[in-house]
Amino acid sequence: MDKAIEILDLLCENSRLTEKQMAAITGLSEEEVKNTIKSLEDKKVLLKYTALVDWEKAGREVVTALIDVKVAPQQGLGFNAIAERICQFEEVKSVSLISGTYDLSVEVEGKTMKEIALFVAERLAPIDGVLSTTTHFILKRYKKDGVFYEEGQDDKRLVITP
């Protein structure tokens, strides 16, 4: 599984790498890389290949909100039934069970803040078991998935030495 993890790390860093390039980096054959990737896809370990896009620079208006949701867990189902229902909405990009004051964190995208507010008021909050919501609009992204949005930004954390 160590080579599988290495391949997954490479794909997370750059999903456009070819099997030949990954073989050269890992020391595996192209066939081994191909078979490993196929196995990871079949096992639903590798779920999707994607790109990170700065939509603002691309000219598309996108509003993103993080919504904290407090729910009443259902008997025998816990949080899963409500989370699965929330996942069905097209606007919803991610749903996570979290610790703390709220139970679920829901990431939603829309064209306007009003569109997201209406989604929360008319579709999310009325779900049976949803007790309360708190919406946080993302005003500006600085970094996502380890990538800085502004050019020339480097990781400026101080190196800690013993």
Protein backbone atom coordinates (compact mmCIF):
# COMPACT_ATOMS: atom_id res chain seq x y z
CA MET A 1 0.00 0.00 0.00
CA ASP A 2 3.01 2.32 0.42
CA LYS A 3 3.33 2.72 -3.37
CA ALA A 4 -0.42 3.35 -3.59
CA ILE A 5 -0.07 6.16 -1.05
CA GLU A 6 2.84 7.58 -3.04
CA ILE A 7 0.72 7.53 -6.22
CA LEU A 8 -2.18 9.19 -4.39
CA ASP A 9 0.17 11.90 -3.10
CA LEU A 10 1.42 12.53 -6.64
CA LEU A 11 -2.13 12.75 -8.00
CA CYS A 12 -3.16 15.16 -5.25
CA GLU A 13 -0.23 17.40 -6.13
CA ASN A 14 -0.80 17.20 -9.89
CA SER A 15 -3.55 15.02 -11.34
CA ARG A 16 -2.25 15.67 -14.85
CA LEU A 17 0.86 13.53 -14.35
CA THR A 18 1.01 10.68 -16.84
CA GLU A 19 1.47 7.06 -15.83
CA LYS A 20 4.93 7.26 -17.39
CA GLN A 21 5.87 10.27 -15.23
CA MET A 22 4.53 8.60 -12.07
CA ALA A 23 6.44 5.42 -12.91
CA ALA A 24 9.67 7.41 -13.23
CA ILE A 25 9.08 9.11 -9.87
CA THR A 26 8.02 5.99 -7.94
CA GLY A 27 10.30 3.42 -9.55
CA LEU A 28 7.31 1.31 -10.57
CA SER A 29 6.53 0.20 -14.12
CA GLU A 30 3.85 2.04 -16.09
CA GLU A 31 1.72 -1.10 -15.90
CA GLU A 32 2.04 -1.22 -12.10
CA VAL A 33 1.03 2.45 -11.87
CA LYS A 34 -1.92 1.87 -14.19
CA ASN A 35 -3.08 -1.19 -12.23
CA THR A 36 -2.67 0.57 -8.89
CA ILE A 37 -4.73 3.54 -10.06
CA LYS A 38 -7.44 1.23 -11.46
CA SER A 39 -7.56 -0.66 -8.16
CA LEU A 40 -7.82 2.58 -6.16
CA GLU A 41 -10.67 3.75 -8.42
CA ASP A 42 -12.49 0.41 -8.12
CA LYS A 43 -12.21 0.50 -4.31
CA LYS A 44 -13.56 4.08 -4.27
CA VAL A 45 -10.34 5.31 -2.64
CA LEU A 46 -9.64 7.56 -5.62
CA LEU A 47 -12.94 9.35 -6.16
CA LYS A 48 -12.34 12.20 -8.61
CA TYR A 49 -9.73 14.11 -10.57
CA THR A 50 -10.15 17.85 -10.34
CA ALA A 51 -8.64 21.28 -10.90
CA LEU A 52 -8.39 24.19 -8.48
CA VAL A 53 -9.73 27.29 -10.27
CA ASP A 54 -9.72 30.94 -9.21
CA TRP A 55 -13.20 31.68 -10.57
CA GLU A 56 -12.87 35.39 -9.87
CA LYS A 57 -9.92 35.63 -12.28
CA ALA A 58 -11.80 33.44 -14.76
CA GLY A 59 -14.65 35.96 -14.79
CA ARG A 60 -17.36 33.84 -13.15
CA GLU A 61 -19.19 35.26 -10.16
CA VAL A 62 -19.39 32.58 -7.48
CA VAL A 63 -20.42 33.10 -3.88
CA THR A 64 -19.36 30.46 -1.37
CA ALA A 65 -20.76 30.05 2.12
CA LEU A 66 -19.96 27.77 5.02
CA ILE A 67 -23.09 26.89 6.94
CA ASP A 68 -22.95 25.49 10.45
CA VAL A 69 -25.94 23.24 11.07
CA LYS A 70 -27.19 21.99 14.42
CA VAL A 71 -29.34 18.89 14.09
CA ALA A 72 -31.31 16.48 16.24
CA PRO A 73 -29.88 13.04 15.45
CA GLN A 74 -32.49 10.49 14.38
CA GLN A 75 -33.04 7.32 16.37
CA GLY A 76 -30.88 4.53 14.95
CA LEU A 77 -29.50 6.72 12.16
CA GLY A 78 -27.61 9.42 14.03
CA PHE A 79 -26.59 12.30 11.79
CA ASN A 80 -26.31 10.22 8.61
CA ALA A 81 -29.90 10.53 7.36
CA ILE A 82 -29.95 14.32 7.62
CA ALA A 83 -26.43 14.65 6.17
CA GLU A 84 -27.37 12.42 3.23
CA ARG A 85 -30.49 14.51 2.58
CA ILE A 86 -28.47 17.73 2.60
CA CYS A 87 -25.95 16.16 0.19
CA GLN A 88 -28.71 15.81 -2.43
CA PHE A 89 -28.98 19.57 -3.06
CA GLU A 90 -27.11 20.73 -6.16
CA GLU A 91 -25.84 23.87 -4.40
CA VAL A 92 -24.11 21.80 -1.73
CA LYS A 93 -20.42 21.17 -2.45
CA SER A 94 -19.49 19.37 0.76
CA VAL A 95 -20.99 18.14 4.03
CA SER A 96 -18.90 17.17 7.05
CA LEU A 97 -19.71 15.97 10.56
CA ILE A 98 -17.80 18.24 12.93
CA SER A 99 -17.12 18.55 16.63
CA GLY A 100 -18.09 21.58 18.68
CA THR A 101 -21.24 23.63 19.00
CA TYR A 102 -22.65 22.59 15.62
CA ASP A 103 -22.95 19.12 14.13
CA LEU A 104 -22.54 19.59 10.38
CA SER A 105 -20.51 21.96 8.25
CA VAL A 106 -22.04 22.51 4.81
CA GLU A 107 -20.24 24.29 1.95
CA VAL A 108 -22.61 25.85 -0.55
CA GLU A 109 -22.05 27.75 -3.82
CA GLY A 110 -24.41 30.13 -5.55
CA LYS A 111 -24.48 33.15 -7.84
CA THR A 112 -25.40 35.69 -5.15
CA MET A 113 -25.59 36.00 -1.36
CA LYS A 114 -29.36 36.29 -1.68
CA GLU A 115 -29.51 32.99 -3.58
CA ILE A 116 -27.64 31.26 -0.76
CA ALA A 117 -29.76 32.98 1.90
CA LEU A 118 -32.93 31.75 0.18
CA PHE A 119 -31.45 28.23 -0.07
CA VAL A 120 -30.84 28.23 3.69
CA ALA A 121 -34.24 29.71 4.56
CA GLU A 122 -36.39 27.74 2.13
CA ARG A 123 -34.63 24.41 1.65
CA LEU A 124 -32.05 23.71 4.37
CA ALA A 125 -33.58 25.09 7.59
CA PRO A 126 -37.02 23.48 7.05
CA ILE A 127 -35.57 19.93 6.96
CA ASP A 128 -36.95 17.84 9.82
CA GLY A 129 -34.23 17.52 12.42
CA VAL A 130 -32.42 20.76 11.54
CA LEU A 131 -32.51 22.85 14.71
CA SER A 132 -30.49 25.91 13.66
CA THR A 133 -28.06 27.26 11.08
CA THR A 134 -25.35 29.90 10.99
CA THR A 135 -24.13 31.11 7.61
CA HIS A 136 -20.62 32.44 6.98
CA PHE A 137 -19.94 33.94 3.54
CA ILE A 138 -16.42 33.61 2.18
CA LEU A 139 -15.40 37.13 1.19
CA LYS A 140 -11.93 36.35 -0.14
CA ARG A 141 -9.82 33.23 -0.46
CA TYR A 142 -6.13 33.44 0.33
CA LYS A 143 -5.20 29.76 0.18
CA LYS A 144 -7.00 26.51 -0.61
CA ASP A 145 -5.69 22.96 -0.81
CA GLY A 146 -2.21 24.28 -0.07
CA VAL A 147 -2.26 26.72 -3.00
CA PHE A 148 -2.01 30.50 -2.58
CA TYR A 149 -4.50 32.52 -4.64
CA GLU A 150 -2.29 35.59 -4.96
CA GLU A 151 0.80 35.44 -7.16
CA GLY A 152 4.12 35.81 -5.42
CA GLN A 153 2.81 34.42 -2.15
CA ASP A 154 5.14 31.93 -0.58
CA ASP A 155 4.84 30.06 2.65
CA LYS A 156 6.44 32.52 5.08
CA ARG A 157 6.19 30.42 8.20
CA LEU A 158 9.35 30.45 10.26
CA VAL A 159 11.46 27.34 10.28
CA ILE A 160 11.70 25.89 13.77
CA THR A 161 15.02 24.32 14.64
CA PRO A 162 16.01 22.56 17.85
